[in-house]
C-alpha atoms as a PDB file:
ATOM      1  CA  MET A   1    -247.696 136.856 -70.815  1.00  0.00           C
ATOM      2  CA  ALA A   2    -244.682 135.637 -69.032  1.00  0.00           C
ATOM      3  CA  LEU A   3    -241.627 134.177 -70.876  1.00  0.00           C
ATOM      4  CA  VAL A   4    -239.577 131.278 -69.423  1.00  0.00           C
ATOM      5  CA  ALA A   5    -236.069 130.649 -69.964  1.00  0.00           C
ATOM      6  CA  ARG A   6    -235.124 127.356 -71.461  1.00  0.00           C
ATOM      7  CA  LYS A   7    -232.429 125.713 -73.439  1.00  0.00           C
ATOM      8  CA  LEU A   8    -232.266 125.064 -77.285  1.00  0.00           C
ATOM      9  CA  VAL A   9    -230.006 122.268 -77.849  1.00  0.00           C
ATOM     10  CA  THR A  10    -229.102 121.889 -81.514  1.00  0.00           C
ATOM     11  CA  ILE A  11    -227.386 118.659 -82.790  1.00  0.00           C
ATOM     12  CA  ILE A  12    -225.991 118.361 -86.387  1.00  0.00           C
ATOM     13  CA  ALA A  13    -225.430 114.718 -87.183  1.00  0.00           C
ATOM     14  CA  GLU A  14    -225.109 112.046 -89.895  1.00  0.00           C
ATOM     15  CA  GLY A  15    -228.672 111.219 -91.024  1.00  0.00           C
ATOM     16  CA  PHE A  16    -228.364 107.500 -90.237  1.00  0.00           C
ATOM     17  CA  LEU A  17    -227.997 108.295 -86.599  1.00  0.00           C
ATOM     18  CA  GLU A  18    -231.705 110.155 -86.543  1.00  0.00           C
ATOM     19  CA  GLU A  19    -233.828 107.394 -84.843  1.00  0.00           C
ATOM     20  CA  ARG A  20    -231.248 106.556 -82.271  1.00  0.00           C
ATOM     21  CA  LEU A  21    -230.611 110.147 -81.437  1.00  0.00           C
ATOM     22  CA  VAL A  22    -234.366 110.755 -81.164  1.00  0.00           C
ATOM     23  CA  ARG A  23    -234.850 107.785 -78.954  1.00  0.00           C
ATOM     24  CA  GLU A  24    -231.807 108.891 -76.689  1.00  0.00           C
ATOM     25  CA  ILE A  25    -232.768 112.295 -76.254  1.00  0.00           C
ATOM     26  CA  LYS A  26    -236.389 111.440 -75.328  1.00  0.00           C
ATOM     27  CA  ARG A  27    -235.096 109.001 -72.704  1.00  0.00           C
ATOM     28  CA  LEU A  28    -233.046 111.830 -71.279  1.00  0.00           C
ATOM     29  CA  GLY A  29    -235.991 114.079 -70.806  1.00  0.00           C
ATOM     30  CA  ALA A  30    -236.800 115.785 -74.127  1.00  0.00           C
ATOM     31  CA  LYS A  31    -240.477 116.217 -74.644  1.00  0.00           C
ATOM     32  CA  GLY A  32    -240.338 116.898 -78.490  1.00  0.00           C
ATOM     33  CA  TYR A  33    -237.998 117.689 -81.134  1.00  0.00           C
ATOM     34  CA  THR A  34    -237.649 119.205 -84.786  1.00  0.00           C
ATOM     35  CA  ILE A  35    -235.632 117.486 -87.448  1.00  0.00           C
ATOM     36  CA  THR A  36    -234.634 119.261 -90.720  1.00  0.00           C
ATOM     37  CA  GLU A  37    -232.134 118.299 -93.511  1.00  0.00           C
ATOM     38  CA  ALA A  38    -228.732 120.009 -93.146  1.00  0.00           C
ATOM     39  CA  ARG A  39    -225.531 120.433 -95.250  1.00  0.00           C
ATOM     40  CA  GLY A  40    -222.396 122.499 -95.023  1.00  0.00           C
ATOM     41  CA  GLU A  41    -218.745 122.483 -94.391  1.00  0.00           C
ATOM     42  CA  GLY A  42    -216.975 122.087 -91.236  1.00  0.00           C
ATOM     43  CA  SER A  43    -213.473 121.191 -89.846  1.00  0.00           C
ATOM     44  CA  ARG A  44    -213.494 117.946 -91.934  1.00  0.00           C
ATOM     45  CA  GLY A  45    -214.515 119.811 -95.046  1.00  0.00           C
ATOM     46  CA  VAL A  46    -217.459 118.807 -97.233  1.00  0.00           C
ATOM     47  CA  ARG A  47    -218.603 115.535 -97.327  1.00  0.00           C
ATOM     48  CA  ALA A  48    -217.406 113.739-100.318  1.00  0.00           C
ATOM     49  CA  SER A  49    -220.277 111.329-100.810  1.00  0.00           C
ATOM     50  CA  GLU A  50    -223.952 111.274-100.069  1.00  0.00           C
ATOM     51  CA  TRP A  51    -224.310 107.462-100.023  1.00  0.00           C
ATOM     52  CA  GLU A  52    -224.777 107.086 -96.362  1.00  0.00           C
ATOM     53  CA  GLY A  53    -227.432 109.797 -96.407  1.00  0.00           C
ATOM     54  CA  GLY A  54    -227.310 113.397 -95.724  1.00  0.00           C
ATOM     55  CA  ASN A  55    -226.852 115.277 -92.545  1.00  0.00           C
ATOM     56  CA  ILE A  56    -229.736 116.120 -90.038  1.00  0.00           C
ATOM     57  CA  ARG A  57    -230.285 119.180 -87.665  1.00  0.00           C
ATOM     58  CA  LEU A  58    -232.173 117.901 -84.510  1.00  0.00           C
ATOM     59  CA  GLU A  59    -233.385 120.776 -82.196  1.00  0.00           C
ATOM     60  CA  THR A  60    -235.105 120.401 -78.971  1.00  0.00           C
ATOM     61  CA  ILE A  61    -236.070 122.733 -76.331  1.00  0.00           C
ATOM     62  CA  VAL A  62    -235.456 121.577 -72.690  1.00  0.00           C
ATOM     63  CA  SER A  63    -234.735 122.524 -69.046  1.00  0.00           C
ATOM     64  CA  PRO A  64    -230.979 123.276 -68.385  1.00  0.00           C
ATOM     65  CA  GLU A  65    -230.587 120.022 -66.552  1.00  0.00           C
ATOM     66  CA  VAL A  66    -231.779 117.928 -69.563  1.00  0.00           C
ATOM     67  CA  ALA A  67    -229.519 120.162 -71.813  1.00  0.00           C
ATOM     68  CA  GLU A  68    -226.595 119.147 -69.780  1.00  0.00           C
ATOM     69  CA  LYS A  69    -227.516 115.408 -69.772  1.00  0.00           C
ATOM     70  CA  ILE A  70    -227.961 115.457 -73.482  1.00  0.00           C
ATOM     71  CA  LEU A  71    -224.620 117.196 -73.973  1.00  0.00           C
ATOM     72  CA  ALA A  72    -222.862 114.765 -71.619  1.00  0.00           C
ATOM     73  CA  HIS A  73    -224.284 111.739 -73.552  1.00  0.00           C
ATOM     74  CA  LEU A  74    -223.395 113.154 -76.766  1.00  0.00           C
ATOM     75  CA  ALA A  75    -219.738 113.938 -75.650  1.00  0.00           C
ATOM     76  CA  GLU A  76    -219.379 110.309 -74.240  1.00  0.00           C
ATOM     77  CA  ILE A  77    -220.984 108.179 -77.090  1.00  0.00           C
ATOM     78  CA  TYR A  78    -220.958 110.113 -80.221  1.00  0.00           C
ATOM     79  CA  PHE A  79    -218.333 112.866 -80.484  1.00  0.00           C
ATOM     80  CA  PRO A  80    -215.384 110.183 -80.472  1.00  0.00           C
ATOM     81  CA  ASN A  81    -216.983 108.130 -83.110  1.00  0.00           C
ATOM     82  CA  TYR A  82    -219.168 110.230 -85.344  1.00  0.00           C
ATOM     83  CA  ALA A  83    -219.314 113.436 -87.326  1.00  0.00           C
ATOM     84  CA  VAL A  84    -221.848 115.187 -84.759  1.00  0.00           C
ATOM     85  CA  ILE A  85    -221.750 118.677 -83.401  1.00  0.00           C
ATOM     86  CA  ALA A  86    -223.907 120.151 -80.778  1.00  0.00           C
ATOM     87  CA  TYR A  87    -224.411 123.528 -79.257  1.00  0.00           C
ATOM     88  CA  VAL A  88    -226.854 125.083 -76.791  1.00  0.00           C
ATOM     89  CA  GLU A  89    -228.525 128.645 -76.625  1.00  0.00           C
ATOM     90  CA  THR A  90    -230.839 130.133 -74.015  1.00  0.00           C
ATOM     91  CA  VAL A  91    -234.221 130.871 -75.317  1.00  0.00           C
ATOM     92  CA  GLU A  92    -237.521 132.341 -73.943  1.00  0.00           C
ATOM     93  CA  VAL A  93    -240.516 130.485 -74.537  1.00  0.00           C
ATOM     94  CA  VAL A  94    -244.223 130.918 -73.857  1.00  0.00           C
ATOM     95  CA  ARG A  95    -245.711 127.918 -71.988  1.00  0.00           C
ATOM     96  CA  GLY A  96    -242.556 126.891 -70.331  1.00  0.00           C
ATOM     97  CA  ASP A  97    -244.242 123.996 -68.689  1.00  0.00           C
ATOM     98  CA  LYS A  98    -244.475 122.173 -72.113  1.00  0.00           C
ATOM     99  CA  TYR A  99    -240.586 121.635 -71.917  1.00  0.00           C
ATOM    100  CA  THR A 100    -240.361 120.190 -68.457  1.00  0.00           C
END
């Protein structure tokens, strides 16, 4: 069984951005995604209120080129205006063609 290197892009964002982020990562080339609820503390501290909804953790496995597109888009549109972080890890997957 051959493993193929791909990129796991993880985005932690305010929950109200979920539909918009999903639409945009798919437009940028992601074939699928997983979303879970997220909570924690960062440079801005713990959120004082949940009235806007909680945070989400959006994960997608993509090619290196698509990962770069997603990160560039986040940096331009989201980082200046929203509580969003993102990171990328190299992962090895079976059936690598599913992610391209």
